[in-house]
Amino acid sequence: MGILRKTLLKSVAVILLIIFSSNPYLAQGDEPDRDLGKFLEPYLPENTEWALTVIDLETGKQVIESGNSLRERLVPASLMKLLITGAVLEYAEKGGTVSKVVTVRKTVKVKGKKRRRSRKKTYVLARHSVEIRDKRELIDILHDMNVHSRNLTAQNLAVSLGERRFGAPGTRAKGNRAVCTFLNSLDLRSKEAIVADGCGLARGNRMTAGFIADYLYQVSKKPWFDSFRETLPRPGLEGTVKKIGYSDQRFRVKTGSLDDVFALAGYGVNAAGREFSFAFIVNSKKGRVSDRMHCRGELLRLLAEGVPPPTGVVQQ
């Protein structure tokens, strides 16, 4: 009887070991409060201020918060384009239109000096505004802006939006006011954002990572959310995130980059199948930093696949 019991216990132990070993990585949705900071810090430059916030799209609950500057308003760089995209789509949903700037150019051949080839030179003849009436064209313009991070497109759209809402002439100040009016219509935490321009080049732009992640959550409840999400590039496949170091078609993200800033924000799906919004911002205290793409690629991998278990411990 004792031999039979020992044999049975060994069989159960083997079965449990197989089950526990079949999932070496923990799904993010199973233990949302695990700190990702210790896994990201080795990839970050020294002397940086950084923050990461993740929000579950179904519940609106903040499931991850990590970094040394969680309450600080950081420079978001081109994440500002996410705000412009939302403000424009909200205005269009209500029947409003904005304008795009069309540039007329002329290319001519210029003869070089003796023994040198002639070369082409392009001159700008004129610029004028054209109203965007077609919704598909508007989405295509926003998609091109976000995929390739077009600063001029973003600023022109902000100025146009300001002009339509508050009258001619269109100015940067009116564009900022239009964006702030849109943000104030959402259920966002106050005093966590400062808007200085529409494209993200101005260092006067300041936002917490929590504000941007919450903004993206609020946007997910809008009737135009599918169009908004469609304008964002897919990591590993296109635009500024084509060589980010991680590929997943379920993610839609936007990059931000200046000499002393790199950032990433957008939407994804974790290993448990939960959809989430997130924002990750890194600011350097010493000025110029190298934007190491593998850092943001590692972040996407951790968000999608979960964090590895502690050494020597097998997770179910």
C-alpha atoms as a PDB file:
ATOM      1  CA  MET A   1       0.000   0.000   0.000  1.00  0.00           C
ATOM      2  CA  GLY A   2       2.916   2.325   0.845  1.00  0.00           C
ATOM      3  CA  ILE A   3       4.556   1.614  -2.515  1.00  0.00           C
ATOM      4  CA  LEU A   4       1.297   2.395  -4.336  1.00  0.00           C
ATOM      5  CA  ARG A   5       0.952   5.706  -2.466  1.00  0.00           C
ATOM      6  CA  LYS A   6       4.523   6.732  -3.305  1.00  0.00           C
ATOM      7  CA  THR A   7       3.992   5.852  -6.971  1.00  0.00           C
ATOM      8  CA  LEU A   8       0.768   7.887  -7.055  1.00  0.00           C
ATOM      9  CA  LEU A   9       2.417  10.902  -5.429  1.00  0.00           C
ATOM     10  CA  LYS A  10       5.294  10.799  -7.923  1.00  0.00           C
ATOM     11  CA  SER A  11       2.829  10.708 -10.833  1.00  0.00           C
ATOM     12  CA  VAL A  12       0.934  13.707  -9.469  1.00  0.00           C
ATOM     13  CA  ALA A  13       4.182  15.601  -8.957  1.00  0.00           C
ATOM     14  CA  VAL A  14       5.263  14.970 -12.559  1.00  0.00           C
ATOM     15  CA  ILE A  15       1.882  16.128 -13.896  1.00  0.00           C
ATOM     16  CA  LEU A  16       2.005  19.322 -11.811  1.00  0.00           C
ATOM     17  CA  LEU A  17       5.557  20.023 -12.936  1.00  0.00           C
ATOM     18  CA  ILE A  18       4.515  19.726 -16.591  1.00  0.00           C
ATOM     19  CA  ILE A  19       1.546  22.038 -16.060  1.00  0.00           C
ATOM     20  CA  PHE A  20       3.578  24.658 -14.177  1.00  0.00           C
ATOM     21  CA  SER A  21       6.403  24.536 -16.693  1.00  0.00           C
ATOM     22  CA  SER A  22       4.138  25.045 -19.702  1.00  0.00           C
ATOM     23  CA  ASN A  23       3.819  28.803 -19.035  1.00  0.00           C
ATOM     24  CA  PRO A  24       7.255  30.192 -18.095  1.00  0.00           C
ATOM     25  CA  TYR A  25       6.107  33.821 -18.400  1.00  0.00           C
ATOM     26  CA  LEU A  26       3.413  35.437 -16.342  1.00  0.00           C
ATOM     27  CA  ALA A  27       0.542  37.040 -18.241  1.00  0.00           C
ATOM     28  CA  GLN A  28       0.401  40.767 -17.520  1.00  0.00           C
ATOM     29  CA  GLY A  29      -3.302  40.614 -16.780  1.00  0.00           C
ATOM     30  CA  ASP A  30      -2.803  37.945 -14.102  1.00  0.00           C
ATOM     31  CA  GLU A  31      -0.620  40.136 -11.891  1.00  0.00           C
ATOM     32  CA  PRO A  32      -1.028  43.747 -13.027  1.00  0.00           C
ATOM     33  CA  ASP A  33       0.835  45.348 -10.126  1.00  0.00           C
ATOM     34  CA  ARG A  34       4.250  43.837 -10.839  1.00  0.00           C
ATOM     35  CA  ASP A  35       6.760  46.637 -11.322  1.00  0.00           C
ATOM     36  CA  LEU A  36       8.204  46.835 -14.830  1.00  0.00           C
ATOM     37  CA  GLY A  37      10.728  49.458 -13.750  1.00  0.00           C
ATOM     38  CA  LYS A  38      13.473  47.033 -12.794  1.00  0.00           C
ATOM     39  CA  PHE A  39      13.250  45.423 -16.229  1.00  0.00           C
ATOM     40  CA  LEU A  40      13.347  48.765 -18.084  1.00  0.00           C
ATOM     41  CA  GLU A  41      15.995  50.627 -16.074  1.00  0.00           C
ATOM     42  CA  PRO A  42      18.975  48.713 -17.554  1.00  0.00           C
ATOM     43  CA  TYR A  43      17.915  50.031 -20.985  1.00  0.00           C
ATOM     44  CA  LEU A  44      17.562  53.680 -19.914  1.00  0.00           C
ATOM     45  CA  PRO A  45      20.308  56.346 -20.033  1.00  0.00           C
ATOM     46  CA  GLU A  46      21.664  57.484 -16.668  1.00  0.00           C
ATOM     47  CA  ASN A  47      20.281  60.566 -14.906  1.00  0.00           C
ATOM     48  CA  THR A  48      16.866  60.500 -16.541  1.00  0.00           C
ATOM     49  CA  GLU A  49      13.376  61.367 -15.402  1.00  0.00           C
ATOM     50  CA  TRP A  50      10.916  58.788 -16.639  1.00  0.00           C
ATOM     51  CA  ALA A  51       7.405  57.481 -16.108  1.00  0.00           C
ATOM     52  CA  LEU A  52       5.189  54.678 -17.408  1.00  0.00           C
ATOM     53  CA  THR A  53       1.417  54.374 -16.947  1.00  0.00           C
ATOM     54  CA  VAL A  54      -0.865  51.603 -18.261  1.00  0.00           C
ATOM     55  CA  ILE A  55      -4.675  51.682 -18.106  1.00  0.00           C
ATOM     56  CA  ASP A  56      -7.061  48.783 -18.768  1.00  0.00           C
ATOM     57  CA  LEU A  57      -9.483  49.848 -21.518  1.00  0.00           C
ATOM     58  CA  GLU A  58     -12.399  47.798 -20.225  1.00  0.00           C
ATOM     59  CA  THR A  59     -12.358  48.950 -16.610  1.00  0.00           C
ATOM     60  CA  GLY A  60     -10.477  52.246 -16.833  1.00  0.00           C
ATOM     61  CA  LYS A  61      -8.320  51.021 -13.954  1.00  0.00           C
ATOM     62  CA  GLN A  62      -4.660  52.002 -13.793  1.00  0.00           C
ATOM     63  CA  VAL A  63      -2.872  48.639 -13.759  1.00  0.00           C
ATOM     64  CA  ILE A  64       0.778  49.706 -14.028  1.00  0.00           C
ATOM     65  CA  GLU A  65       2.559  52.796 -12.756  1.00  0.00           C
ATOM     66  CA  SER A  66       6.348  52.872 -12.724  1.00  0.00           C
ATOM     67  CA  GLY A  67       9.186  55.394 -12.876  1.00  0.00           C
ATOM     68  CA  ASN A  68      10.895  58.082 -10.818  1.00  0.00           C
ATOM     69  CA  SER A  69       8.798  60.988 -12.150  1.00  0.00           C
ATOM     70  CA  LEU A  70       5.223  59.755 -12.015  1.00  0.00           C
ATOM     71  CA  ARG A  71       3.823  63.092 -10.825  1.00  0.00           C
ATOM     72  CA  GLU A  72       6.136  65.279 -12.892  1.00  0.00           C
ATOM     73  CA  ARG A  73       5.028  67.019 -16.066  1.00  0.00           C
ATOM     74  CA  LEU A  74       7.587  65.821 -18.587  1.00  0.00           C
ATOM     75  CA  VAL A  75       8.332  66.965 -22.157  1.00  0.00           C
ATOM     76  CA  PRO A  76       6.255  64.622 -24.382  1.00  0.00           C
ATOM     77  CA  ALA A  77       7.775  65.623 -27.769  1.00  0.00           C
ATOM     78  CA  SER A  78       5.654  64.305 -30.675  1.00  0.00           C
ATOM     79  CA  LEU A  79       3.123  62.627 -28.406  1.00  0.00           C
ATOM     80  CA  MET A  80       1.457  66.030 -28.805  1.00  0.00           C
ATOM     81  CA  LYS A  81       0.252  64.806 -32.201  1.00  0.00           C
ATOM     82  CA  LEU A  82      -2.075  62.409 -30.365  1.00  0.00           C
ATOM     83  CA  LEU A  83      -3.888  65.430 -28.930  1.00  0.00           C
ATOM     84  CA  ILE A  84      -4.130  67.165 -32.314  1.00  0.00           C
ATOM     85  CA  THR A  85      -5.515  63.984 -33.876  1.00  0.00           C
ATOM     86  CA  GLY A  86      -8.253  63.721 -31.270  1.00  0.00           C
ATOM     87  CA  ALA A  87      -9.157  67.424 -31.407  1.00  0.00           C
ATOM     88  CA  VAL A  88      -9.475  67.340 -35.211  1.00  0.00           C
ATOM     89  CA  LEU A  89     -11.564  64.139 -35.258  1.00  0.00           C
ATOM     90  CA  GLU A  90     -13.885  65.471 -32.540  1.00  0.00           C
ATOM     91  CA  TYR A  91     -14.409  68.683 -34.508  1.00  0.00           C
ATOM     92  CA  ALA A  92     -15.050  66.718 -37.715  1.00  0.00           C
ATOM     93  CA  GLU A  93     -17.533  64.452 -35.898  1.00  0.00           C
ATOM     94  CA  LYS A  94     -19.582  67.555 -35.086  1.00  0.00           C
ATOM     95  CA  GLY A  95     -19.626  68.632 -38.730  1.00  0.00           C
ATOM     96  CA  GLY A  96     -16.643  70.983 -38.723  1.00  0.00           C
ATOM     97  CA  THR A  97     -13.862  71.047 -41.305  1.00  0.00           C
ATOM     98  CA  VAL A  98     -10.203  72.002 -41.221  1.00  0.00           C
ATOM     99  CA  SER A  99      -7.775  72.962 -43.974  1.00  0.00           C
ATOM    100  CA  LYS A 100      -4.557  71.475 -45.255  1.00  0.00           C
ATOM    101  CA  VAL A 101      -1.690  73.562 -46.605  1.00  0.00           C
ATOM    102  CA  VAL A 102      -0.844  72.875 -50.237  1.00  0.00           C
ATOM    103  CA  THR A 103       2.611  73.881 -51.444  1.00  0.00           C
ATOM    104  CA  VAL A 104       3.216  74.629 -55.125  1.00  0.00           C
ATOM    105  CA  ARG A 105       6.793  73.831 -56.134  1.00  0.00           C
ATOM    106  CA  LYS A 106       8.775  74.118 -59.322  1.00  0.00           C
ATOM    107  CA  THR A 107      11.819  71.985 -60.057  1.00  0.00           C
ATOM    108  CA  VAL A 108      14.407  73.244 -62.536  1.00  0.00           C
ATOM    109  CA  LYS A 109      17.779  72.026 -63.731  1.00  0.00           C
ATOM    110  CA  VAL A 110      20.716  74.138 -62.692  1.00  0.00           C
ATOM    111  CA  LYS A 111      23.882  73.891 -64.743  1.00  0.00           C
ATOM    112  CA  GLY A 112      26.981  73.223 -62.719  1.00  0.00           C
ATOM    113  CA  LYS A 113      30.422  74.634 -63.280  1.00  0.00           C
ATOM    114  CA  LYS A 114      32.740  73.215 -65.903  1.00  0.00           C
ATOM    115  CA  ARG A 115      33.198  69.457 -65.647  1.00  0.00           C
ATOM    116  CA  ARG A 116      30.351  69.204 -63.159  1.00  0.00           C
ATOM    117  CA  ARG A 117      26.953  67.659 -63.736  1.00  0.00           C
ATOM    118  CA  SER A 118      23.823  69.757 -63.792  1.00  0.00           C
ATOM    119  CA  ARG A 119      21.563  69.290 -60.765  1.00  0.00           C
ATOM    120  CA  LYS A 120      17.922  69.785 -59.907  1.00  0.00           C
ATOM    121  CA  LYS A 121      16.803  72.569 -57.615  1.00  0.00           C
ATOM    122  CA  THR A 122      13.300  73.003 -56.217  1.00  0.00           C
ATOM    123  CA  TYR A 123      11.690  76.393 -55.610  1.00  0.00           C
ATOM    124  CA  VAL A 124       8.547  77.058 -53.596  1.00  0.00           C
ATOM    125  CA  LEU A 125       6.236  79.196 -55.686  1.00  0.00           C
ATOM    126  CA  ALA A 126       3.248  79.510 -53.373  1.00  0.00           C
ATOM    127  CA  ARG A 127       1.370  78.018 -50.434  1.00  0.00           C
ATOM    128  CA  HIS A 128      -2.369  78.067 -49.937  1.00  0.00           C
ATOM    129  CA  SER A 129      -5.006  76.376 -47.793  1.00  0.00           C
ATOM    130  CA  VAL A 130      -7.508  73.852 -49.120  1.00  0.00           C
ATOM    131  CA  GLU A 131     -10.512  72.746 -47.091  1.00  0.00           C
ATOM    132  CA  ILE A 132     -10.663  69.026 -46.275  1.00  0.00           C
ATOM    133  CA  ARG A 133     -14.250  67.922 -46.812  1.00  0.00           C
ATOM    134  CA  ASP A 134     -13.779  64.178 -47.364  1.00  0.00           C
ATOM    135  CA  LYS A 135     -13.505  62.098 -44.157  1.00  0.00           C
ATOM    136  CA  ARG A 136     -11.312  59.477 -45.820  1.00  0.00           C
ATOM    137  CA  GLU A 137      -8.875  62.161 -46.948  1.00  0.00           C
ATOM    138  CA  LEU A 138      -8.754  63.590 -43.432  1.00  0.00           C
ATOM    139  CA  ILE A 139      -7.943  60.188 -41.919  1.00  0.00           C
ATOM    140  CA  ASP A 140      -5.253  59.614 -44.561  1.00  0.00           C
ATOM    141  CA  ILE A 141      -3.648  62.976 -43.698  1.00  0.00           C
ATOM    142  CA  LEU A 142      -3.714  62.189 -39.970  1.00  0.00           C
ATOM    143  CA  HIS A 143      -2.324  58.718 -40.660  1.00  0.00           C
ATOM    144  CA  ASP A 144       0.575  60.149 -42.656  1.00  0.00           C
ATOM    145  CA  MET A 145       1.181  62.730 -39.906  1.00  0.00           C
ATOM    146  CA  ASN A 146       1.373  60.113 -37.130  1.00  0.00           C
ATOM    147  CA  VAL A 147       3.151  57.348 -39.029  1.00  0.00           C
ATOM    148  CA  HIS A 148       5.937  59.672 -40.202  1.00  0.00           C
ATOM    149  CA  SER A 149       5.622  62.277 -37.411  1.00  0.00           C
ATOM    150  CA  ARG A 150       5.086  65.258 -39.732  1.00  0.00           C
ATOM    151  CA  ASN A 151       5.632  68.356 -37.600  1.00  0.00           C
ATOM    152  CA  LEU A 152       4.487  70.848 -40.224  1.00  0.00           C
ATOM    153  CA  THR A 153       1.241  68.953 -40.850  1.00  0.00           C
ATOM    154  CA  ALA A 154       0.450  68.844 -37.133  1.00  0.00           C
ATOM    155  CA  GLN A 155       1.090  72.542 -36.580  1.00  0.00           C
ATOM    156  CA  ASN A 156      -0.884  73.552 -39.675  1.00  0.00           C
ATOM    157  CA  LEU A 157      -3.862  71.443 -38.546  1.00  0.00           C
ATOM    158  CA  ALA A 158      -3.737  73.023 -35.090  1.00  0.00           C
ATOM    159  CA  VAL A 159      -3.662  76.540 -36.546  1.00  0.00           C
ATOM    160  CA  SER A 160      -6.513  75.687 -38.936  1.00  0.00           C
ATOM    161  CA  LEU A 161      -8.580  74.263 -36.082  1.00  0.00           C
ATOM    162  CA  GLY A 162      -7.978  77.397 -34.033  1.00  0.00           C
ATOM    163  CA  GLU A 163      -9.043  79.603 -36.937  1.00  0.00           C
ATOM    164  CA  ARG A 164     -12.261  77.630 -37.507  1.00  0.00           C
ATOM    165  CA  ARG A 165     -13.197  77.722 -33.834  1.00  0.00           C
ATOM    166  CA  PHE A 166     -12.136  81.243 -32.873  1.00  0.00           C
ATOM    167  CA  GLY A 167     -11.973  83.189 -36.124  1.00  0.00           C
ATOM    168  CA  ALA A 168      -9.335  84.433 -38.546  1.00  0.00           C
ATOM    169  CA  PRO A 169      -6.478  84.820 -38.653  1.00  0.00           C
ATOM    170  CA  GLY A 170      -5.277  81.397 -37.584  1.00  0.00           C
ATOM    171  CA  THR A 171      -2.469  81.571 -35.012  1.00  0.00           C
ATOM    172  CA  ARG A 172      -0.519  79.173 -32.842  1.00  0.00           C
ATOM    173  CA  ALA A 173      -2.204  80.629 -29.744  1.00  0.00           C
ATOM    174  CA  LYS A 174      -5.681  79.943 -31.162  1.00  0.00           C
ATOM    175  CA  GLY A 175      -4.577  76.419 -32.111  1.00  0.00           C
ATOM    176  CA  ASN A 176      -3.395  75.779 -28.555  1.00  0.00           C
ATOM    177  CA  ARG A 177      -6.684  77.162 -27.246  1.00  0.00           C
ATOM    178  CA  ALA A 178      -8.658  74.828 -29.513  1.00  0.00           C
ATOM    179  CA  VAL A 179      -6.711  71.800 -28.286  1.00  0.00           C
ATOM    180  CA  CYS A 180      -7.166  72.845 -24.635  1.00  0.00           C
ATOM    181  CA  THR A 181     -10.911  73.318 -25.196  1.00  0.00           C
ATOM    182  CA  PHE A 182     -11.101  69.761 -26.509  1.00  0.00           C
ATOM    183  CA  LEU A 183      -9.067  68.366 -23.591  1.00  0.00           C
ATOM    184  CA  ASN A 184     -11.254  70.216 -21.093  1.00  0.00           C
ATOM    185  CA  SER A 185     -14.302  68.447 -22.544  1.00  0.00           C
ATOM    186  CA  LEU A 186     -12.854  65.094 -21.444  1.00  0.00           C
ATOM    187  CA  ASP A 187     -12.809  63.641 -17.943  1.00  0.00           C
ATOM    188  CA  LEU A 188      -9.089  64.219 -17.399  1.00  0.00           C
ATOM    189  CA  ARG A 189      -7.071  65.151 -14.336  1.00  0.00           C
ATOM    190  CA  SER A 190      -6.514  68.904 -14.230  1.00  0.00           C
ATOM    191  CA  LYS A 191      -3.145  70.678 -13.996  1.00  0.00           C
ATOM    192  CA  GLU A 192      -1.269  67.717 -15.463  1.00  0.00           C
ATOM    193  CA  ALA A 193      -0.790  69.182 -18.945  1.00  0.00           C
ATOM    194  CA  ILE A 194       0.538  72.374 -20.554  1.00  0.00           C
ATOM    195  CA  VAL A 195       0.060  72.902 -24.306  1.00  0.00           C
ATOM    196  CA  ALA A 196       2.639  75.079 -26.097  1.00  0.00           C
ATOM    197  CA  ASP A 197       2.331  73.932 -29.724  1.00  0.00           C
ATOM    198  CA  GLY A 198       0.607  71.362 -31.902  1.00  0.00           C
ATOM    199  CA  CYS A 199       3.535  69.281 -33.099  1.00  0.00           C
ATOM    200  CA  GLY A 200       5.707  68.696 -30.021  1.00  0.00           C
ATOM    201  CA  LEU A 201       8.826  70.691 -30.913  1.00  0.00           C
ATOM    202  CA  ALA A 202       8.273  73.268 -28.159  1.00  0.00           C
ATOM    203  CA  ARG A 203       9.784  72.288 -24.816  1.00  0.00           C
ATOM    204  CA  GLY A 204       7.032  74.260 -23.133  1.00  0.00           C
ATOM    205  CA  ASN A 205       4.762  71.259 -23.722  1.00  0.00           C
ATOM    206  CA  ARG A 206       4.538  69.427 -20.408  1.00  0.00           C
ATOM    207  CA  MET A 207       2.461  66.382 -19.434  1.00  0.00           C
ATOM    208  CA  THR A 208       2.475  63.498 -17.027  1.00  0.00           C
ATOM    209  CA  ALA A 209       2.536  59.986 -18.457  1.00  0.00           C
ATOM    210  CA  GLY A 210      -0.665  59.348 -16.513  1.00  0.00           C
ATOM    211  CA  PHE A 211      -2.400  62.228 -18.302  1.00  0.00           C
ATOM    212  CA  ILE A 212      -1.571  60.857 -21.763  1.00  0.00           C
ATOM    213  CA  ALA A 213      -2.522  57.269 -20.858  1.00  0.00           C
ATOM    214  CA  ASP A 214      -5.820  58.525 -19.413  1.00  0.00           C
ATOM    215  CA  TYR A 215      -6.391  60.697 -22.492  1.00  0.00           C
ATOM    216  CA  LEU A 216      -5.985  57.625 -24.703  1.00  0.00           C
ATOM    217  CA  TYR A 217      -8.441  55.738 -22.488  1.00  0.00           C
ATOM    218  CA  GLN A 218     -11.006  58.562 -22.803  1.00  0.00           C
ATOM    219  CA  VAL A 219     -10.526  58.605 -26.581  1.00  0.00           C
ATOM    220  CA  SER A 220     -11.277  54.859 -26.725  1.00  0.00           C
ATOM    221  CA  LYS A 221     -14.881  55.681 -25.699  1.00  0.00           C
ATOM    222  CA  LYS A 222     -15.420  58.132 -28.550  1.00  0.00           C
ATOM    223  CA  PRO A 223     -17.489  57.222 -31.650  1.00  0.00           C
ATOM    224  CA  TRP A 224     -14.483  58.116 -33.832  1.00  0.00           C
ATOM    225  CA  PHE A 225     -12.057  55.878 -31.899  1.00  0.00           C
ATOM    226  CA  ASP A 226     -11.599  53.371 -34.746  1.00  0.00           C
ATOM    227  CA  SER A 227     -10.499  56.208 -37.037  1.00  0.00           C
ATOM    228  CA  PHE A 228      -8.163  57.566 -34.346  1.00  0.00           C
ATOM    229  CA  ARG A 229      -6.531  54.182 -33.802  1.00  0.00           C
ATOM    230  CA  GLU A 230      -6.193  53.656 -37.553  1.00  0.00           C
ATOM    231  CA  THR A 231      -3.981  56.746 -37.843  1.00  0.00           C
ATOM    232  CA  LEU A 232      -1.301  55.260 -35.554  1.00  0.00           C
ATOM    233  CA  PRO A 233       1.571  53.111 -36.913  1.00  0.00           C
ATOM    234  CA  ARG A 234       2.055  49.416 -36.127  1.00  0.00           C
ATOM    235  CA  PRO A 235       5.385  48.594 -34.443  1.00  0.00           C
ATOM    236  CA  GLY A 236       7.830  46.681 -36.592  1.00  0.00           C
ATOM    237  CA  LEU A 237       5.854  47.387 -39.757  1.00  0.00           C
ATOM    238  CA  GLU A 238       5.766  51.072 -40.670  1.00  0.00           C
ATOM    239  CA  GLY A 239       6.936  54.622 -40.156  1.00  0.00           C
ATOM    240  CA  THR A 240       8.891  55.743 -37.105  1.00  0.00           C
ATOM    241  CA  VAL A 241       8.363  52.370 -35.376  1.00  0.00           C
ATOM    242  CA  LYS A 242       9.369  50.108 -38.263  1.00  0.00           C
ATOM    243  CA  LYS A 243      12.749  49.393 -36.656  1.00  0.00           C
ATOM    244  CA  ILE A 244      11.704  49.644 -33.023  1.00  0.00           C
ATOM    245  CA  GLY A 245      12.808  46.109 -32.205  1.00  0.00           C
ATOM    246  CA  TYR A 246       9.411  44.494 -31.660  1.00  0.00           C
ATOM    247  CA  SER A 247       6.610  43.618 -34.054  1.00  0.00           C
ATOM    248  CA  ASP A 248       2.953  43.158 -33.128  1.00  0.00           C
ATOM    249  CA  GLN A 249       0.047  44.141 -35.381  1.00  0.00           C
ATOM    250  CA  ARG A 250      -2.271  44.387 -32.375  1.00  0.00           C
ATOM    251  CA  PHE A 251      -0.361  47.450 -31.152  1.00  0.00           C
ATOM    252  CA  ARG A 252      -0.892  50.988 -32.450  1.00  0.00           C
ATOM    253  CA  VAL A 253       1.586  53.519 -31.086  1.00  0.00           C
ATOM    254  CA  LYS A 254       3.099  56.995 -31.492  1.00  0.00           C
ATOM    255  CA  THR A 255       6.713  57.929 -30.872  1.00  0.00           C
ATOM    256  CA  GLY A 256       8.171  61.132 -29.467  1.00  0.00           C
ATOM    257  CA  SER A 257      11.782  62.203 -29.853  1.00  0.00           C
ATOM    258  CA  LEU A 258      13.985  65.241 -29.188  1.00  0.00           C
ATOM    259  CA  ASP A 259      17.668  65.517 -28.303  1.00  0.00           C
ATOM    260  CA  ASP A 260      16.892  64.934 -24.623  1.00  0.00           C
ATOM    261  CA  VAL A 261      13.544  63.134 -24.927  1.00  0.00           C
ATOM    262  CA  PHE A 262      12.161  59.862 -26.156  1.00  0.00           C
ATOM    263  CA  ALA A 263       8.640  58.608 -25.590  1.00  0.00           C
ATOM    264  CA  LEU A 264       6.074  56.068 -26.723  1.00  0.00           C
ATOM    265  CA  ALA A 265       2.310  55.898 -26.228  1.00  0.00           C
ATOM    266  CA  GLY A 266      -0.677  54.120 -27.698  1.00  0.00           C
ATOM    267  CA  TYR A 267      -2.683  50.907 -27.440  1.00  0.00           C
ATOM    268  CA  GLY A 268      -1.881  47.225 -27.070  1.00  0.00           C
ATOM    269  CA  VAL A 269      -3.089  43.790 -25.968  1.00  0.00           C
ATOM    270  CA  ASN A 270      -1.426  41.748 -23.213  1.00  0.00           C
ATOM    271  CA  ALA A 271      -0.935  38.004 -22.845  1.00  0.00           C
ATOM    272  CA  ALA A 272      -4.271  37.665 -21.072  1.00  0.00           C
ATOM    273  CA  GLY A 273      -6.074  39.279 -24.024  1.00  0.00           C
ATOM    274  CA  ARG A 274      -6.753  42.555 -22.187  1.00  0.00           C
ATOM    275  CA  GLU A 275      -6.620  45.780 -24.202  1.00  0.00           C
ATOM    276  CA  PHE A 276      -4.881  48.749 -22.639  1.00  0.00           C
ATOM    277  CA  SER A 277      -3.633  52.264 -23.261  1.00  0.00           C
ATOM    278  CA  PHE A 278      -0.164  53.307 -22.133  1.00  0.00           C
ATOM    279  CA  ALA A 279       2.285  56.203 -22.081  1.00  0.00           C
ATOM    280  CA  PHE A 280       6.059  56.032 -21.541  1.00  0.00           C
ATOM    281  CA  ILE A 281       8.152  59.241 -21.348  1.00  0.00           C
ATOM    282  CA  VAL A 282      11.900  59.602 -20.748  1.00  0.00           C
ATOM    283  CA  ASN A 283      13.569  63.014 -20.239  1.00  0.00           C
ATOM    284  CA  SER A 284      17.326  63.386 -19.789  1.00  0.00           C
ATOM    285  CA  LYS A 285      18.772  65.765 -17.191  1.00  0.00           C
ATOM    286  CA  LYS A 286      22.056  66.120 -19.065  1.00  0.00           C
ATOM    287  CA  GLY A 287      20.782  67.218 -22.451  1.00  0.00           C
ATOM    288  CA  ARG A 288      21.434  65.129 -25.527  1.00  0.00           C
ATOM    289  CA  VAL A 289      20.710  61.412 -25.220  1.00  0.00           C
ATOM    290  CA  SER A 290      20.809  58.518 -27.624  1.00  0.00           C
ATOM    291  CA  ASP A 291      17.285  57.322 -28.357  1.00  0.00           C
ATOM    292  CA  ARG A 292      17.860  53.611 -28.036  1.00  0.00           C
ATOM    293  CA  MET A 293      15.046  52.017 -29.984  1.00  0.00           C
ATOM    294  CA  HIS A 294      15.579  48.681 -28.251  1.00  0.00           C
ATOM    295  CA  CYS A 295      14.369  50.273 -24.993  1.00  0.00           C
ATOM    296  CA  ARG A 296      10.952  50.972 -26.454  1.00  0.00           C
ATOM    297  CA  GLY A 297      10.948  47.596 -28.193  1.00  0.00           C
ATOM    298  CA  GLU A 298      11.643  45.918 -24.857  1.00  0.00           C
ATOM    299  CA  LEU A 299       8.779  47.872 -23.287  1.00  0.00           C
ATOM    300  CA  LEU A 300       6.357  46.605 -25.945  1.00  0.00           C
ATOM    301  CA  ARG A 301       7.566  43.036 -25.432  1.00  0.00           C
ATOM    302  CA  LEU A 302       7.048  43.285 -21.670  1.00  0.00           C
ATOM    303  CA  LEU A 303       3.578  44.794 -22.085  1.00  0.00           C
ATOM    304  CA  ALA A 304       2.532  42.158 -24.613  1.00  0.00           C
ATOM    305  CA  GLU A 305       4.154  39.017 -23.219  1.00  0.00           C
ATOM    306  CA  GLY A 306       4.509  39.734 -19.500  1.00  0.00           C
ATOM    307  CA  VAL A 307       7.584  39.872 -17.299  1.00  0.00           C
ATOM    308  CA  PRO A 308       9.817  36.857 -16.666  1.00  0.00           C
ATOM    309  CA  PRO A 309       9.400  35.144 -13.279  1.00  0.00           C
ATOM    310  CA  PRO A 310      12.054  35.481 -10.560  1.00  0.00           C
ATOM    311  CA  THR A 311      15.128  33.326 -11.135  1.00  0.00           C
ATOM    312  CA  GLY A 312      14.581  29.739 -10.021  1.00  0.00           C
ATOM    313  CA  VAL A 313      10.806  30.164  -9.672  1.00  0.00           C
ATOM    314  CA  VAL A 314       8.329  28.526 -12.028  1.00  0.00           C
ATOM    315  CA  GLN A 315       5.068  30.438 -12.523  1.00  0.00           C
ATOM    316  CA  GLN A 316       1.727  28.874 -13.355  1.00  0.00           C
END
